[in-house]
Amino acid sequence: MKYVILLAAILNFILAISVYKKSVNKVQKHFSYLLFAVAIWVFVNFIYFNFPKYPFVHLSYSFGAIVIGAIFFWTSGFTKTRISKTIRNFIVVVLAMLFIGTLIPNVFLGQNLTFNNFGYSVSSGPLFQVYSITAAILLLVSVALLLKNLIVSKGLERLRALYVVISFVMPILIVVIIDFIIPFFGIFALASVDSVTSFIFAFGVAYAITRHQFFDIKIVIQKSFVQLMAFVILFAIYAYVLILIQNISSKSVALSNNTGLLITIFIIALTIEPLRKWIYKIIDGIFENKEKQRQEALQRVQLVTKSTLQFQTLLSKTQVELETVFGSGIEFYLAERKTGNFTQYPTGDKKLAMENPVGMKILPGNILIADELPYRIENGESNFIQTLDWLKQNHYSAIVPIGTGDEMVGIFCLPIGSSHQKPITADMVKFLKEFQSQVFFPFASAYAFKLAIERITLK
């Protein structure tokens, strides 16, 4: 168990450093502080596993108070919940008093501990009840804030809120039960399991960063990292359960401890590779199923671009392939060579002037995602406000320019679609960038051919 706890501390510490280095606003930076606090708390738990005596178990609760405060204040910031300065200061003072109070022998916990597989036996003092009630209230309020935020959020913000809920809620509920509710009645038999719950927290964060650029943080965490973490977590649990079963069965069956341990090691050796392949296959399926569909769509687009020089035919066929990924209703604006303005093609119903701030943002050729613009505006890029307003007014979820500057051919505008349509994630953005580079030359050639035909016709 202690090595599982050490691994959890290392994983949270790695994530904390990664998030801190790439953080661009207060929510992200404070989240890195939370990860550091969790990593330190878990490492303290690892220490008391090696030195099961005063004050190390007490220190676990001291640092636990810091983690609880960090969770509460971060969730209030993430959900944009206003907390008055008086209440904030009161909570800080209470947590500071609990941090110090946990180190007082017998007032919080006794000094004589007896360890078992998942916890320990110890007497608790009156301060422990105060600590348990305070901690449970703050953690449950944090859960309520996250669930409320999930209900009211939409689009990419809702997806990110969902990952926060998945990463936070389950570990918090487990900790509240095994660290505060059950011990409130003097039962500490499962108290050591709380550190293992940080695996759920860390894995949820790592997965969200890898697939969906959690909090818009662009951290490069390879799929192999998630695979390795999943394998280590599940294998540690699997091996621990087998050894636990061996210890229990050796008492009821006429086998020596050494014989039972050898049998257990033999079973682990036989099953470790099938277990690894099964876990990696599941992770591969999660990451690659959608990727395979997108690559097939790109292959179909490539076939389309090679099939014709007729601009209208090329555009309509490309729109059909895009709609297999993003849904129906994709619109295209053609860049006029004389004015540089954008006109909806072929209907001409809508226009976008080049001098418009939206047009200026399109010219560099960057993909603009409606769900990400509020984060950019929040981080000080106020010049995106008009772009966001234009996207909302026209019910577009993204703009995909084909070309840049004077070589601009036009823009694809993706619809917001139905309420059941999935938001555009980092995977989708990668697909759109590949799409951009793949269709530019065929579209530029077809557009030039179209203009040449029009000039010949006018003569």
Foldseek 3Di string as FASTA:
>chain_A
DLVLLLVLLVLLLVVLVLQCVQDQDDLSNLVSVLSNLLSVLSVLLSVCVVVVFPPSVLQSLLSVLVNLLSLLVSLCVLLVPDDDPVVNVVSVVVSVVSSVVSRDAPQAWHGDWAADDAWIATDGHPVVLVSLVSSLVSLVVSLVSLVVSLVPDAALSNVLSVLVNQLRVVLSVVCSVQPRVVCNVRDNNRVNCSSSSSLSNSLSVLVCCPWFVRLVRPGDDDLVNSLVSVLVSVLVVVLSVQLVVLVVVVVVDVDDSVVSVVVSVVVCVVCSVVSSVVSVVVSCCVPCVVVVLLVVLLVQLLVLLVPDLALVSNVVSNQVSVCVPQNDDKWKWFQDLPQRKTATPPPRPDIGHCPPLLNVVPQQQDKDFLVCVVVVVVSPPVSCVVVNVVCVVVQFGMWGWQHHHSLTGIIITGHVDDSPGHHQGPSNSVSSVVVSVSCNVSNSSSVVVVVVVVVVVVD
